[in-house]
N, C-alpha and C. Protein backbone atom coordinates (compact mmCIF):
# COMPACT_ATOMS: atom_id res chain seq x y z
N MET A 1 273.82 2.31 86.83
CA MET A 1 275.13 2.51 86.25
C MET A 1 275.27 3.98 85.83
N PRO A 2 276.40 4.63 86.16
CA PRO A 2 276.58 6.04 85.78
C PRO A 2 276.69 6.20 84.28
N SER A 3 276.27 7.37 83.82
CA SER A 3 276.35 7.64 82.39
C SER A 3 277.80 7.85 81.97
N PHE A 4 278.02 7.75 80.66
CA PHE A 4 279.36 7.95 80.11
C PHE A 4 279.89 9.34 80.45
N THR A 5 279.03 10.35 80.33
CA THR A 5 279.47 11.73 80.57
C THR A 5 279.91 11.95 82.01
N SER A 6 279.23 11.37 82.95
CA SER A 6 279.62 11.59 84.34
C SER A 6 280.97 10.95 84.66
N LEU A 7 281.33 9.92 83.89
CA LEU A 7 282.64 9.29 84.08
C LEU A 7 283.72 9.97 83.25
N ALA A 8 283.39 10.38 82.04
CA ALA A 8 284.39 10.91 81.12
C ALA A 8 284.81 12.34 81.45
N ILE A 9 283.90 13.19 81.82
CA ILE A 9 284.22 14.59 82.04
C ILE A 9 285.25 14.75 83.17
N PRO A 10 285.02 14.18 84.35
CA PRO A 10 286.06 14.32 85.39
C PRO A 10 287.40 13.72 84.97
N ALA A 11 287.35 12.60 84.24
CA ALA A 11 288.60 11.98 83.79
C ALA A 11 289.33 12.89 82.81
N LEU A 12 288.60 13.52 81.89
CA LEU A 12 289.23 14.44 80.94
C LEU A 12 289.81 15.65 81.66
N TYR A 13 289.07 16.15 82.64
CA TYR A 13 289.54 17.31 83.40
C TYR A 13 290.84 16.98 84.11
N GLN A 14 290.88 15.83 84.77
CA GLN A 14 292.09 15.45 85.49
C GLN A 14 293.26 15.23 84.53
N THR A 15 293.00 14.63 83.40
CA THR A 15 294.05 14.38 82.42
C THR A 15 294.59 15.68 81.87
N SER A 16 293.70 16.61 81.53
CA SER A 16 294.16 17.87 80.94
C SER A 16 294.98 18.68 81.93
N ARG A 17 294.69 18.60 83.21
CA ARG A 17 295.44 19.34 84.21
C ARG A 17 296.86 18.81 84.35
N GLN A 18 297.05 17.53 84.08
CA GLN A 18 298.38 16.94 84.20
C GLN A 18 299.35 17.51 83.18
N PHE A 19 298.86 17.90 82.02
CA PHE A 19 299.73 18.30 80.94
C PHE A 19 299.92 19.81 80.81
N VAL A 20 299.38 20.57 81.73
CA VAL A 20 299.58 22.02 81.71
C VAL A 20 300.94 22.31 82.33
N PRO A 21 301.86 22.90 81.57
CA PRO A 21 303.18 23.22 82.15
C PRO A 21 303.03 24.15 83.34
N ARG A 22 303.92 24.01 84.30
CA ARG A 22 303.85 24.85 85.50
C ARG A 22 303.89 26.33 85.17
N SER A 23 304.74 26.71 84.22
CA SER A 23 304.84 28.12 83.86
C SER A 23 303.52 28.64 83.30
N MET A 24 302.82 27.81 82.54
CA MET A 24 301.54 28.23 82.00
C MET A 24 300.50 28.32 83.11
N ALA A 25 300.52 27.39 84.04
CA ALA A 25 299.58 27.43 85.15
C ALA A 25 299.79 28.71 85.97
N ALA A 26 301.06 29.09 86.19
CA ALA A 26 301.35 30.32 86.93
C ALA A 26 300.86 31.54 86.16
N THR A 27 301.02 31.51 84.84
CA THR A 27 300.56 32.62 84.00
C THR A 27 299.04 32.75 84.08
N ILE A 28 298.36 31.62 84.07
CA ILE A 28 296.90 31.64 84.16
C ILE A 28 296.47 32.22 85.50
N ARG A 29 297.11 31.79 86.59
CA ARG A 29 296.77 32.32 87.91
C ARG A 29 297.02 33.82 87.98
N GLN A 30 298.15 34.29 87.40
CA GLN A 30 298.45 35.72 87.41
C GLN A 30 297.42 36.50 86.62
N ALA A 31 296.98 35.95 85.49
CA ALA A 31 295.98 36.62 84.66
C ALA A 31 294.66 36.70 85.41
N GLN A 32 294.30 35.64 86.13
CA GLN A 32 293.07 35.66 86.90
C GLN A 32 293.16 36.71 88.01
N PHE A 33 294.31 36.81 88.68
CA PHE A 33 294.50 37.80 89.73
C PHE A 33 294.46 39.20 89.16
N ALA A 34 295.13 39.42 88.02
CA ALA A 34 295.19 40.74 87.40
C ALA A 34 293.82 41.20 86.95
N SER A 35 292.97 40.26 86.52
CA SER A 35 291.65 40.66 86.05
C SER A 35 290.80 41.17 87.21
N LYS A 36 291.08 40.74 88.43
CA LYS A 36 290.34 41.21 89.60
C LYS A 36 290.84 42.57 90.06
N ALA A 37 292.09 42.88 89.80
CA ALA A 37 292.67 44.15 90.22
C ALA A 37 292.25 45.25 89.25
N SER A 38 292.17 46.48 89.75
CA SER A 38 291.75 47.56 88.89
C SER A 38 292.90 48.07 88.02
N LYS A 39 294.12 47.90 88.45
CA LYS A 39 295.27 48.36 87.70
C LYS A 39 296.35 47.30 87.73
N PRO A 40 297.22 47.30 86.70
CA PRO A 40 298.32 46.31 86.71
C PRO A 40 299.29 46.59 87.85
N ASP A 41 300.01 45.55 88.23
CA ASP A 41 300.97 45.66 89.33
C ASP A 41 302.14 46.57 88.98
N LEU A 42 302.56 46.57 87.72
CA LEU A 42 303.71 47.36 87.31
C LEU A 42 303.28 48.71 86.76
N VAL A 43 304.06 49.72 87.10
CA VAL A 43 303.78 51.10 86.70
C VAL A 43 304.80 51.53 85.66
N THR A 44 304.38 52.34 84.71
CA THR A 44 305.28 52.83 83.66
C THR A 44 305.71 54.26 83.97
N TYR A 45 306.75 54.71 83.26
CA TYR A 45 307.20 56.09 83.39
C TYR A 45 306.06 57.06 83.05
N GLU A 46 305.31 56.74 82.02
CA GLU A 46 304.21 57.62 81.59
C GLU A 46 303.18 57.81 82.70
N GLU A 47 302.87 56.75 83.43
CA GLU A 47 301.94 56.87 84.55
C GLU A 47 302.51 57.75 85.66
N ILE A 48 303.79 57.58 85.94
CA ILE A 48 304.45 58.39 86.97
C ILE A 48 304.44 59.85 86.55
N ASP A 49 304.78 60.12 85.30
CA ASP A 49 304.82 61.48 84.78
C ASP A 49 303.43 62.13 84.86
N THR A 50 302.41 61.41 84.48
CA THR A 50 301.03 61.92 84.56
C THR A 50 300.65 62.19 86.01
N LEU A 51 300.98 61.27 86.88
CA LEU A 51 300.69 61.40 88.30
C LEU A 51 301.30 62.68 88.88
N ILE A 52 302.55 62.94 88.52
CA ILE A 52 303.25 64.12 89.02
C ILE A 52 302.61 65.40 88.49
N HIS A 53 302.34 65.43 87.19
CA HIS A 53 301.81 66.64 86.58
C HIS A 53 300.36 66.92 86.97
N GLN A 54 299.60 65.89 87.29
CA GLN A 54 298.22 66.09 87.73
C GLN A 54 298.14 66.41 89.21
N GLY A 55 299.21 66.11 89.93
CA GLY A 55 299.21 66.35 91.38
C GLY A 55 298.18 65.50 92.10
N ASN A 56 298.04 64.25 91.69
CA ASN A 56 297.05 63.35 92.28
C ASN A 56 297.44 63.00 93.72
N LYS A 57 296.68 63.51 94.66
CA LYS A 57 296.95 63.28 96.08
C LYS A 57 296.45 61.92 96.56
N ASN A 58 295.69 61.22 95.71
CA ASN A 58 295.15 59.92 96.10
C ASN A 58 296.12 58.77 95.87
N VAL A 59 297.23 59.05 95.22
CA VAL A 59 298.24 58.02 94.94
C VAL A 59 299.54 58.44 95.60
N LEU A 60 300.12 57.56 96.40
CA LEU A 60 301.39 57.86 97.06
C LEU A 60 302.54 57.19 96.35
N LEU A 61 303.62 57.94 96.17
CA LEU A 61 304.88 57.38 95.67
C LEU A 61 305.78 57.19 96.87
N ILE A 62 306.28 55.99 97.05
CA ILE A 62 307.16 55.69 98.18
C ILE A 62 308.54 55.29 97.65
N ASP A 63 309.56 56.05 98.04
CA ASP A 63 310.95 55.78 97.68
C ASP A 63 311.54 54.89 98.77
N VAL A 64 311.99 53.69 98.40
CA VAL A 64 312.51 52.75 99.40
C VAL A 64 314.03 52.67 99.41
N ARG A 65 314.69 53.65 98.77
CA ARG A 65 316.16 53.67 98.76
C ARG A 65 316.70 54.13 100.11
N GLU A 66 318.00 54.00 100.26
CA GLU A 66 318.68 54.46 101.47
C GLU A 66 318.81 55.99 101.44
N PRO A 67 318.95 56.63 102.60
CA PRO A 67 319.04 58.09 102.65
C PRO A 67 320.12 58.70 101.75
N GLY A 68 321.27 58.07 101.64
CA GLY A 68 322.33 58.59 100.77
C GLY A 68 321.93 58.62 99.31
N GLU A 69 321.15 57.63 98.89
CA GLU A 69 320.67 57.58 97.52
C GLU A 69 319.60 58.64 97.27
N VAL A 70 318.76 58.85 98.26
CA VAL A 70 317.69 59.85 98.16
C VAL A 70 318.28 61.24 97.99
N ALA A 71 319.43 61.49 98.62
CA ALA A 71 320.09 62.79 98.52
C ALA A 71 320.52 63.12 97.09
N GLN A 72 320.67 62.09 96.24
CA GLN A 72 321.07 62.31 94.85
C GLN A 72 319.91 62.77 93.97
N GLY A 73 318.71 62.63 94.44
CA GLY A 73 317.53 63.06 93.69
C GLY A 73 316.35 62.15 93.94
N VAL A 74 315.15 62.71 93.78
CA VAL A 74 313.93 61.95 94.01
C VAL A 74 312.90 62.26 92.92
N ILE A 75 311.93 61.40 92.81
CA ILE A 75 310.80 61.68 91.93
C ILE A 75 309.90 62.66 92.69
N PRO A 76 309.52 63.77 92.06
CA PRO A 76 308.67 64.76 92.75
C PRO A 76 307.42 64.11 93.34
N THR A 77 306.99 64.63 94.44
CA THR A 77 305.82 64.21 95.23
C THR A 77 306.02 62.91 96.01
N SER A 78 307.21 62.29 95.93
CA SER A 78 307.42 61.02 96.63
C SER A 78 307.75 61.23 98.10
N HIS A 79 307.56 60.17 98.86
CA HIS A 79 307.88 60.13 100.28
C HIS A 79 308.92 59.03 100.48
N HIS A 80 309.69 59.15 101.55
CA HIS A 80 310.79 58.21 101.78
C HIS A 80 310.51 57.29 102.96
N VAL A 81 310.57 55.99 102.69
CA VAL A 81 310.54 54.96 103.73
C VAL A 81 311.54 53.90 103.28
N PRO A 82 312.72 53.84 103.89
CA PRO A 82 313.73 52.86 103.46
C PRO A 82 313.20 51.43 103.51
N LEU A 83 313.65 50.62 102.58
CA LEU A 83 313.21 49.22 102.52
C LEU A 83 313.40 48.51 103.86
N ALA A 84 314.49 48.81 104.54
CA ALA A 84 314.76 48.17 105.83
C ALA A 84 313.67 48.47 106.87
N ASN A 85 312.89 49.53 106.65
CA ASN A 85 311.84 49.92 107.59
C ASN A 85 310.43 49.59 107.11
N ILE A 86 310.29 49.05 105.92
CA ILE A 86 308.96 48.87 105.34
C ILE A 86 308.07 47.96 106.18
N GLN A 87 308.56 46.81 106.56
CA GLN A 87 307.72 45.87 107.31
C GLN A 87 307.26 46.50 108.63
N GLU A 88 308.18 47.12 109.33
CA GLU A 88 307.85 47.79 110.59
C GLU A 88 306.87 48.94 110.33
N ALA A 89 307.12 49.72 109.29
CA ALA A 89 306.27 50.87 108.97
C ALA A 89 304.83 50.44 108.69
N LEU A 90 304.66 49.36 107.95
CA LEU A 90 303.31 48.92 107.60
C LEU A 90 302.56 48.37 108.81
N ALA A 91 303.28 48.00 109.85
CA ALA A 91 302.65 47.49 111.06
C ALA A 91 302.34 48.60 112.07
N LEU A 92 302.88 49.79 111.87
CA LEU A 92 302.66 50.89 112.82
C LEU A 92 301.23 51.40 112.79
N PRO A 93 300.73 51.85 113.95
CA PRO A 93 299.44 52.54 113.95
C PRO A 93 299.55 53.83 113.14
N ASP A 94 298.43 54.31 112.62
CA ASP A 94 298.41 55.47 111.74
C ASP A 94 299.13 56.69 112.30
N LYS A 95 298.83 57.06 113.52
CA LYS A 95 299.43 58.26 114.11
C LYS A 95 300.93 58.12 114.30
N GLU A 96 301.36 56.95 114.72
CA GLU A 96 302.79 56.71 114.92
C GLU A 96 303.53 56.72 113.58
N PHE A 97 302.90 56.15 112.55
CA PHE A 97 303.48 56.16 111.20
C PHE A 97 303.67 57.60 110.74
N GLU A 98 302.64 58.42 110.89
CA GLU A 98 302.71 59.82 110.45
C GLU A 98 303.77 60.59 111.21
N ALA A 99 303.87 60.36 112.51
CA ALA A 99 304.88 61.05 113.32
C ALA A 99 306.29 60.65 112.90
N ARG A 100 306.47 59.41 112.55
CA ARG A 100 307.81 58.92 112.22
C ARG A 100 308.24 59.26 110.80
N PHE A 101 307.31 59.18 109.84
CA PHE A 101 307.70 59.35 108.43
C PHE A 101 307.23 60.67 107.82
N GLY A 102 306.39 61.41 108.53
CA GLY A 102 306.01 62.74 108.07
C GLY A 102 304.90 62.81 107.04
N PHE A 103 304.19 61.73 106.82
CA PHE A 103 303.03 61.76 105.93
C PHE A 103 302.02 60.72 106.42
N LYS A 104 300.77 60.90 106.00
CA LYS A 104 299.68 60.05 106.46
C LYS A 104 299.84 58.63 105.92
N LYS A 105 299.63 57.65 106.79
CA LYS A 105 299.74 56.26 106.39
C LYS A 105 298.59 55.92 105.43
N PHE A 106 298.92 55.15 104.42
CA PHE A 106 297.94 54.74 103.42
C PHE A 106 297.18 53.51 103.91
N GLY A 107 295.97 53.38 103.42
CA GLY A 107 295.13 52.23 103.78
C GLY A 107 295.43 51.03 102.91
N LYS A 108 294.87 49.90 103.28
CA LYS A 108 295.14 48.66 102.55
C LYS A 108 294.60 48.67 101.13
N ASP A 109 293.59 49.49 100.85
CA ASP A 109 293.04 49.57 99.50
C ASP A 109 293.53 50.79 98.73
N ASP A 110 294.28 51.67 99.38
CA ASP A 110 294.78 52.88 98.73
C ASP A 110 295.89 52.52 97.74
N GLU A 111 295.97 53.32 96.67
CA GLU A 111 297.02 53.07 95.69
C GLU A 111 298.33 53.67 96.18
N VAL A 112 299.35 52.84 96.24
CA VAL A 112 300.68 53.25 96.63
C VAL A 112 301.67 52.61 95.66
N ILE A 113 302.61 53.42 95.19
CA ILE A 113 303.59 52.95 94.21
C ILE A 113 304.98 53.00 94.84
N PHE A 114 305.65 51.86 94.85
CA PHE A 114 307.00 51.78 95.40
C PHE A 114 308.02 51.94 94.27
N TYR A 115 309.12 52.64 94.57
CA TYR A 115 310.24 52.70 93.63
C TYR A 115 311.54 52.75 94.41
N CYS A 116 312.63 52.39 93.72
CA CYS A 116 313.96 52.41 94.32
C CYS A 116 314.93 52.92 93.27
N ARG A 117 316.11 52.36 93.18
CA ARG A 117 317.07 52.77 92.17
C ARG A 117 316.80 52.09 90.83
N SER A 118 316.67 50.75 90.88
CA SER A 118 316.54 50.01 89.62
C SER A 118 315.34 49.08 89.57
N GLY A 119 314.60 48.94 90.64
CA GLY A 119 313.40 48.12 90.64
C GLY A 119 313.44 46.88 91.51
N ARG A 120 314.61 46.48 91.95
CA ARG A 120 314.71 45.26 92.76
C ARG A 120 314.12 45.46 94.16
N ARG A 121 314.56 46.49 94.84
CA ARG A 121 314.06 46.73 96.21
C ARG A 121 312.59 47.13 96.22
N SER A 122 312.19 47.88 95.21
CA SER A 122 310.77 48.26 95.14
C SER A 122 309.91 47.02 94.92
N GLY A 123 310.43 46.05 94.18
CA GLY A 123 309.73 44.78 94.00
C GLY A 123 309.57 44.04 95.31
N LEU A 124 310.61 44.07 96.14
CA LEU A 124 310.53 43.44 97.46
C LEU A 124 309.50 44.15 98.34
N ALA A 125 309.51 45.49 98.31
CA ALA A 125 308.54 46.27 99.10
C ALA A 125 307.12 45.98 98.61
N PHE A 126 306.94 45.91 97.31
CA PHE A 126 305.65 45.60 96.71
C PHE A 126 305.17 44.22 97.18
N ASP A 127 306.04 43.21 97.08
CA ASP A 127 305.68 41.85 97.50
C ASP A 127 305.29 41.82 98.97
N LEU A 128 306.06 42.48 99.81
CA LEU A 128 305.77 42.50 101.24
C LEU A 128 304.42 43.17 101.50
N ALA A 129 304.20 44.32 100.86
CA ALA A 129 302.93 45.02 101.06
C ALA A 129 301.75 44.14 100.64
N ARG A 130 301.87 43.48 99.52
CA ARG A 130 300.79 42.60 99.06
C ARG A 130 300.56 41.45 100.04
N GLN A 131 301.66 40.87 100.55
CA GLN A 131 301.53 39.79 101.52
C GLN A 131 300.81 40.25 102.78
N LEU A 132 300.99 41.52 103.13
CA LEU A 132 300.36 42.07 104.33
C LEU A 132 298.95 42.60 104.05
N GLY A 133 298.45 42.39 102.83
CA GLY A 133 297.08 42.75 102.51
C GLY A 133 296.87 44.10 101.86
N TYR A 134 297.93 44.76 101.45
CA TYR A 134 297.81 46.06 100.79
C TYR A 134 297.54 45.83 99.31
N SER A 135 296.27 45.70 98.96
CA SER A 135 295.87 45.34 97.60
C SER A 135 296.12 46.46 96.59
N GLY A 136 296.26 47.70 97.05
CA GLY A 136 296.50 48.81 96.15
C GLY A 136 297.96 49.05 95.84
N ALA A 137 298.84 48.21 96.37
CA ALA A 137 300.28 48.38 96.14
C ALA A 137 300.64 48.09 94.70
N ARG A 138 301.57 48.90 94.16
CA ARG A 138 302.06 48.73 92.79
C ARG A 138 303.57 48.97 92.80
N ASN A 139 304.24 48.60 91.71
CA ASN A 139 305.69 48.70 91.64
C ASN A 139 306.11 49.42 90.37
N TYR A 140 306.91 50.47 90.54
CA TYR A 140 307.52 51.13 89.38
C TYR A 140 308.85 50.42 89.15
N SER A 141 308.83 49.40 88.30
CA SER A 141 309.99 48.54 88.14
C SER A 141 311.18 49.25 87.50
N GLY A 142 310.95 50.26 86.70
CA GLY A 142 312.05 51.03 86.12
C GLY A 142 312.72 51.90 87.14
N SER A 143 311.95 52.34 88.11
CA SER A 143 312.39 53.12 89.25
C SER A 143 313.21 54.36 88.90
N TRP A 144 314.12 54.78 89.79
CA TRP A 144 314.84 56.03 89.64
C TRP A 144 315.65 56.11 88.35
N LEU A 145 316.33 55.04 87.98
CA LEU A 145 317.15 55.07 86.77
C LEU A 145 316.30 55.35 85.53
N ASP A 146 315.16 54.71 85.43
CA ASP A 146 314.25 54.92 84.30
C ASP A 146 313.69 56.35 84.33
N TYR A 147 313.25 56.77 85.51
CA TYR A 147 312.67 58.11 85.63
C TYR A 147 313.69 59.18 85.26
N GLU A 148 314.88 59.09 85.82
CA GLU A 148 315.90 60.10 85.58
C GLU A 148 316.26 60.18 84.10
N ALA A 149 316.43 59.03 83.45
CA ALA A 149 316.81 59.00 82.03
C ALA A 149 315.72 59.62 81.15
N LYS A 150 314.47 59.28 81.44
CA LYS A 150 313.37 59.78 80.60
C LYS A 150 312.96 61.21 80.92
N ALA A 151 313.13 61.63 82.16
CA ALA A 151 312.76 63.00 82.55
C ALA A 151 313.71 64.02 81.97
N LYS A 152 314.95 63.60 81.68
CA LYS A 152 315.95 64.51 81.11
C LYS A 152 315.67 64.84 79.65
N LYS A 153 314.90 63.97 78.97
CA LYS A 153 314.65 64.16 77.53
C LYS A 153 313.73 65.31 77.26
């Protein structure tokens, strides 16, 4: 006959899992994923400002806005790849990517930060990059509006 513990422990585990709200389960999964990553997914203005002033060549800033929006201003050191071209761009071979966009393609583990006008499109670019295995992808959710407002101060 099995011991009480061998019967009770699995039963308790199954019961406790039933009562975890979905939102809490998602939070737990996100925390587990974040603990494996070296940096958080979201980038702050302060990180962007430090990145620009240090001239860190190991981190790429990618502007995913449309060309007309880019003409209004950009974050210094950033490169432009419109959101409409992101999926295609990430699938291009390195040399073809460089010829088309004018900068070296980043690797799947390299840190790359996406930004747009307000954070929505950069979030989409971030999600797509992560789905395609780019583990170093991050998102500046405040994006151009946040940068412009804080850089003026």
